[in-house]
Amino acid sequence: MLSNITVGQYFPGNSPVHRMDPRAKILLTVALIVLIFVAQGFVGYALIALFVLGVTRLSGINPKFLLKGLKPILFIIAFTLILNLFFYQGETVLVQLGFMRITLEGVYYAAYMAARLVLLVMSTQMMTLTTSPIALTDGLESLMKPLSRLGFPGHELAMMMSIALRFIPTLLEETDKIMKAQTARGADFESGNLINRAKAMVPLLVPLFVSAFRRADDLAMAMEARCYRGGNQRTRLKVLKFSKLDGYAALMTAGLCALVLLERLMPWA
């Protein structure tokens, strides 16, 4: 299960998607997320899915890897699907189970919500998989820089987000090591009911939190030893600049938005 979590992972490459400005990728990802909520009907979601798969192929990342990253949230998707399936009010009844009933409208809405969750995860994955944590930090800080005049700590917030993304794979690796060590000593994390599994996780969480706090303390000491003082008067090795590639990506995203909005305005949508 831990090997299926792809949040925070970065795959180096030289594809057009990798070479895009991180600010452009952040803005276009936000636009795509908004578009997912704006779209109505499976035609709009199919257009967004084709767009995401096309970007995936252009980046050189295997689309199976994106599907693999959906495994950790299968429970959430299934729970959302079942909840909407049984409790959405509709008129065309398919199955009656006591006070609960499954309607045709409920089936449609449940599949609609599940598809929305899948597209949201896949869209955000593309940004983190093709953008290094350092570039993501620079992009976030640059976008939030105008808010610094109002006292908003843009640099500190961007730094915290990048550190969190950076240490997700490290914590997952540490969790896997602890689980294997405790399994070798007789611990059982798989059998039993939900309560027994939750109790079995307690010996896993304690050393994991201790390790996380130790890493945080080491990182803080290392930053202080290097005289880190935040974003005041700091220079960057790589200056961010928008290129024609970012303009092409913006035009493609704008075209997708136009198609989805046009599909929404159709009388059969």
Protein backbone atom coordinates (compact mmCIF):
# COMPACT_ATOMS: atom_id res chain seq x y z
CA MET A 1 0.00 0.00 0.00
CA LEU A 2 2.78 2.43 0.89
CA SER A 3 4.45 1.92 -2.47
CA ASN A 4 1.25 3.10 -4.19
CA ILE A 5 1.37 6.57 -2.59
CA THR A 6 2.78 8.98 -5.18
CA VAL A 7 2.12 12.32 -3.42
CA GLY A 8 5.36 14.26 -3.08
CA GLN A 9 7.30 12.13 -5.55
CA TYR A 10 9.16 13.80 -8.40
CA PHE A 11 10.27 12.14 -11.62
CA PRO A 12 13.13 14.03 -13.29
CA GLY A 13 12.85 14.52 -17.02
CA ASN A 14 13.37 16.88 -19.94
CA SER A 15 9.90 16.80 -21.43
CA PRO A 16 7.99 19.98 -22.35
CA VAL A 17 5.91 19.55 -19.20
CA HIS A 18 9.06 19.37 -17.05
CA ARG A 19 10.50 22.48 -18.70
CA MET A 20 7.44 24.63 -18.01
CA ASP A 21 7.64 27.44 -15.50
CA PRO A 22 6.43 26.18 -12.09
CA ARG A 23 4.20 29.23 -11.73
CA ALA A 24 2.44 28.36 -14.97
CA LYS A 25 1.96 24.76 -13.84
CA ILE A 26 0.50 25.87 -10.52
CA LEU A 27 -1.92 28.33 -12.14
CA LEU A 28 -2.99 25.89 -14.85
CA THR A 29 -3.50 23.14 -12.28
CA VAL A 30 -5.72 25.44 -10.23
CA ALA A 31 -7.65 26.32 -13.40
CA LEU A 32 -8.06 22.63 -14.19
CA ILE A 33 -9.35 21.90 -10.67
CA VAL A 34 -11.90 24.71 -10.98
CA LEU A 35 -12.90 23.35 -14.39
CA ILE A 36 -13.52 19.90 -12.88
CA PHE A 37 -16.05 21.42 -10.49
CA VAL A 38 -17.60 23.55 -13.23
CA ALA A 39 -18.03 20.67 -15.71
CA GLN A 40 -21.39 18.93 -15.81
CA GLY A 41 -21.96 15.56 -17.43
CA PHE A 42 -19.63 12.78 -18.45
CA VAL A 43 -18.78 14.41 -21.79
CA GLY A 44 -17.02 17.25 -19.98
CA TYR A 45 -15.22 14.82 -17.70
CA ALA A 46 -14.18 12.72 -20.70
CA LEU A 47 -12.63 15.81 -22.31
CA ILE A 48 -10.73 16.59 -19.09
CA ALA A 49 -9.59 12.96 -18.77
CA LEU A 50 -8.27 12.96 -22.35
CA PHE A 51 -6.45 16.22 -21.65
CA VAL A 52 -4.81 14.82 -18.49
CA LEU A 53 -3.81 11.60 -20.26
CA GLY A 54 -2.38 13.62 -23.14
CA VAL A 55 -0.29 15.70 -20.75
CA THR A 56 0.82 12.49 -19.05
CA ARG A 57 2.05 11.00 -22.32
CA LEU A 58 3.76 14.27 -23.22
CA SER A 59 5.62 14.25 -19.89
CA GLY A 60 6.92 10.72 -20.48
CA ILE A 61 5.23 9.31 -17.37
CA ASN A 62 3.43 6.01 -17.72
CA PRO A 63 -0.35 6.55 -17.27
CA LYS A 64 -0.43 3.34 -15.22
CA PHE A 65 1.55 5.19 -12.57
CA LEU A 66 -1.28 7.72 -12.17
CA LEU A 67 -3.78 4.89 -11.81
CA LYS A 68 -1.48 3.25 -9.27
CA GLY A 69 -1.59 6.44 -7.23
CA LEU A 70 -5.38 6.08 -6.93
CA LYS A 71 -5.13 2.88 -4.87
CA PRO A 72 -4.64 4.62 -1.50
CA ILE A 73 -7.90 6.55 -1.94
CA LEU A 74 -9.99 3.66 -3.26
CA PHE A 75 -11.75 3.49 0.11
CA ILE A 76 -12.75 7.16 -0.13
CA ILE A 77 -13.93 6.70 -3.71
CA ALA A 78 -15.92 3.57 -2.79
CA PHE A 79 -17.44 5.28 0.27
CA THR A 80 -18.50 8.28 -1.81
CA LEU A 81 -19.91 5.98 -4.47
CA ILE A 82 -21.99 3.93 -2.01
CA LEU A 83 -23.17 6.98 -0.06
CA ASN A 84 -24.49 8.74 -3.16
CA LEU A 85 -25.83 5.50 -4.60
CA PHE A 86 -28.16 4.77 -1.67
CA PHE A 87 -29.05 8.22 -0.39
CA TYR A 88 -29.43 10.34 -3.52
CA GLN A 89 -33.10 11.07 -4.11
CA GLY A 90 -34.36 10.15 -7.55
CA GLU A 91 -37.56 9.21 -9.31
CA THR A 92 -36.61 6.13 -11.39
CA VAL A 93 -36.32 3.36 -8.76
CA LEU A 94 -34.12 0.41 -9.75
CA VAL A 95 -33.78 -1.50 -6.46
CA GLN A 96 -35.74 -1.13 -3.20
CA LEU A 97 -33.96 -2.30 -0.01
CA GLY A 98 -36.25 -1.42 2.88
CA PHE A 99 -36.06 2.30 3.48
CA MET A 100 -33.10 2.57 1.11
CA ARG A 101 -33.48 2.55 -2.63
CA ILE A 102 -31.24 2.78 -5.64
CA THR A 103 -32.43 5.08 -8.38
CA LEU A 104 -31.17 5.69 -11.87
CA GLU A 105 -30.42 9.27 -10.96
CA GLY A 106 -28.48 8.04 -7.91
CA VAL A 107 -26.35 5.74 -10.06
CA TYR A 108 -25.58 8.60 -12.40
CA TYR A 109 -24.72 11.01 -9.59
CA ALA A 110 -22.56 8.44 -7.75
CA ALA A 111 -20.52 7.73 -10.87
CA TYR A 112 -20.30 11.47 -11.48
CA MET A 113 -18.84 12.16 -8.02
CA ALA A 114 -16.41 9.23 -8.24
CA ALA A 115 -15.14 10.48 -11.59
CA ARG A 116 -14.65 13.94 -10.08
CA LEU A 117 -12.46 12.56 -7.28
CA VAL A 118 -10.37 10.54 -9.73
CA LEU A 119 -9.77 13.55 -11.98
CA LEU A 120 -8.87 15.78 -9.03
CA VAL A 121 -6.20 13.36 -7.82
CA MET A 122 -4.77 12.74 -11.29
CA SER A 123 -4.63 16.46 -12.09
CA THR A 124 -2.73 17.37 -8.93
CA GLN A 125 -0.42 14.39 -9.37
CA MET A 126 0.81 15.70 -12.71
CA MET A 127 2.04 18.91 -11.11
CA THR A 128 3.98 17.22 -8.30
CA LEU A 129 5.40 14.47 -10.54
CA THR A 130 6.87 16.94 -13.04
CA THR A 131 7.91 19.74 -10.67
CA SER A 132 10.78 19.48 -8.21
CA PRO A 133 10.11 20.61 -4.61
CA ILE A 134 12.59 23.50 -5.01
CA ALA A 135 10.91 24.73 -8.20
CA LEU A 136 7.50 24.34 -6.57
CA THR A 137 8.67 26.44 -3.62
CA ASP A 138 10.01 29.17 -5.91
CA GLY A 139 6.79 29.20 -7.90
CA LEU A 140 4.55 29.41 -4.84
CA GLU A 141 6.67 32.14 -3.28
CA SER A 142 6.70 34.16 -6.51
CA LEU A 143 2.90 33.92 -6.83
CA MET A 144 2.37 34.97 -3.21
CA LYS A 145 4.98 37.74 -3.27
CA PRO A 146 2.44 40.55 -3.94
CA LEU A 147 0.68 39.57 -0.70
CA SER A 148 3.83 40.29 1.31
CA ARG A 149 2.93 43.98 1.25
CA LEU A 150 -0.08 43.08 3.37
CA GLY A 151 2.07 41.17 5.85
CA PHE A 152 1.31 37.74 4.41
CA PRO A 153 4.22 35.31 5.06
CA GLY A 154 4.46 33.98 1.52
CA HIS A 155 8.03 32.71 1.75
CA GLU A 156 7.46 30.89 5.04
CA LEU A 157 4.26 29.27 3.79
CA ALA A 158 5.90 28.14 0.55
CA MET A 159 8.85 26.75 2.50
CA MET A 160 6.59 24.76 4.83
CA MET A 161 4.64 23.30 1.91
CA SER A 162 7.81 22.30 0.06
CA ILE A 163 9.31 20.70 3.18
CA ALA A 164 6.09 18.77 3.76
CA LEU A 165 6.09 17.49 0.17
CA ARG A 166 9.79 16.70 0.36
CA PHE A 167 9.48 14.57 3.50
CA ILE A 168 6.39 12.58 2.48
CA PRO A 169 8.48 9.93 0.59
CA THR A 170 10.99 9.90 3.47
CA LEU A 171 8.27 9.28 6.06
CA LEU A 172 6.73 6.58 3.88
CA GLU A 173 10.08 4.85 3.61
CA GLU A 174 10.55 5.13 7.38
CA THR A 175 7.05 3.70 7.95
CA ASP A 176 7.80 0.76 5.69
CA LYS A 177 11.03 0.02 7.58
CA ILE A 178 9.26 0.15 10.97
CA MET A 179 6.44 -2.11 9.72
CA LYS A 180 8.90 -4.69 8.39
CA ALA A 181 10.91 -4.61 11.62
CA GLN A 182 7.83 -5.07 13.79
CA THR A 183 6.40 -7.75 11.49
CA ALA A 184 9.66 -9.68 11.88
CA ARG A 185 9.10 -9.49 15.66
CA GLY A 186 5.59 -10.93 15.40
CA ALA A 187 3.41 -7.86 14.89
CA ASP A 188 0.29 -8.35 12.77
CA PHE A 189 -1.11 -5.37 10.83
CA GLU A 190 -3.43 -7.24 8.43
CA SER A 191 -5.69 -9.66 10.34
CA GLY A 192 -8.55 -8.85 12.69
CA ASN A 193 -11.36 -6.34 12.54
CA LEU A 194 -11.04 -2.60 12.15
CA ILE A 195 -10.58 -1.97 15.90
CA ASN A 196 -7.82 -4.58 16.19
CA ARG A 197 -6.02 -3.09 13.18
CA ALA A 198 -6.25 0.38 14.73
CA LYS A 199 -4.76 -0.94 17.98
CA ALA A 200 -1.97 -2.63 16.04
CA MET A 201 -1.04 0.73 14.50
CA VAL A 202 -0.22 2.30 17.88
CA PRO A 203 3.25 0.65 18.16
CA LEU A 204 3.88 1.90 14.62
CA LEU A 205 2.85 5.51 15.18
CA VAL A 206 4.97 6.11 18.28
CA PRO A 207 8.41 5.47 16.67
CA LEU A 208 7.23 7.19 13.49
CA PHE A 209 6.37 10.40 15.37
CA VAL A 210 9.65 10.22 17.29
CA SER A 211 11.55 9.88 14.01
CA ALA A 212 9.60 12.74 12.42
CA PHE A 213 10.32 15.10 15.35
CA ARG A 214 13.99 14.11 15.28
CA ARG A 215 14.22 14.89 11.57
CA ALA A 216 12.45 18.23 12.08
CA ASP A 217 14.90 19.16 14.87
CA ASP A 218 17.90 18.19 12.73
CA LEU A 219 16.56 20.26 9.83
CA ALA A 220 15.99 23.28 12.08
CA MET A 221 19.52 23.06 13.49
CA ALA A 222 20.99 22.72 9.98
CA MET A 223 19.08 25.80 8.77
CA GLU A 224 20.23 27.83 11.78
CA ALA A 225 23.84 26.70 11.31
CA ARG A 226 23.70 28.02 7.75
CA CYS A 227 22.32 31.38 8.94
CA TYR A 228 18.96 30.93 7.24
CA ARG A 229 16.93 34.12 7.58
CA GLY A 230 13.88 33.57 5.42
CA GLY A 231 13.19 35.36 2.16
CA ASN A 232 14.76 38.74 2.99
CA GLN A 233 17.31 39.79 0.34
CA ARG A 234 17.79 36.22 -0.87
CA THR A 235 18.93 35.51 -4.43
CA ARG A 236 18.15 32.47 -6.55
CA LEU A 237 20.33 30.30 -8.70
CA LYS A 238 17.57 30.00 -11.31
CA VAL A 239 15.41 33.01 -12.11
CA LEU A 240 11.88 32.11 -13.13
CA LYS A 241 10.79 33.31 -16.57
CA PHE A 242 7.70 32.56 -18.60
CA SER A 243 8.41 31.13 -22.05
CA LYS A 244 6.50 30.35 -25.22
CA LEU A 245 5.98 26.84 -23.90
CA ASP A 246 3.95 28.24 -21.02
CA GLY A 247 1.89 30.29 -23.49
CA TYR A 248 1.12 27.19 -25.57
CA ALA A 249 0.06 25.32 -22.44
CA ALA A 250 -2.19 28.22 -21.44
CA LEU A 251 -3.81 28.22 -24.90
CA MET A 252 -4.42 24.47 -24.72
CA THR A 253 -5.98 24.82 -21.27
CA ALA A 254 -8.11 27.73 -22.48
CA GLY A 255 -9.29 25.60 -25.40
CA LEU A 256 -10.24 22.82 -22.99
CA CYS A 257 -12.16 25.31 -20.84
CA ALA A 258 -14.04 26.56 -23.90
CA LEU A 259 -15.00 23.00 -24.92
CA VAL A 260 -16.18 22.08 -21.43
CA LEU A 261 -18.19 25.29 -21.05
CA LEU A 262 -19.68 24.77 -24.51
CA GLU A 263 -20.67 21.22 -23.57
CA ARG A 264 -22.31 22.53 -20.40
CA LEU A 265 -24.43 25.01 -22.37
CA MET A 266 -25.70 22.34 -24.74
CA PRO A 267 -29.34 21.42 -24.16
CA TRP A 268 -28.54 17.69 -23.91
CA ALA A 269 -25.70 18.17 -21.33
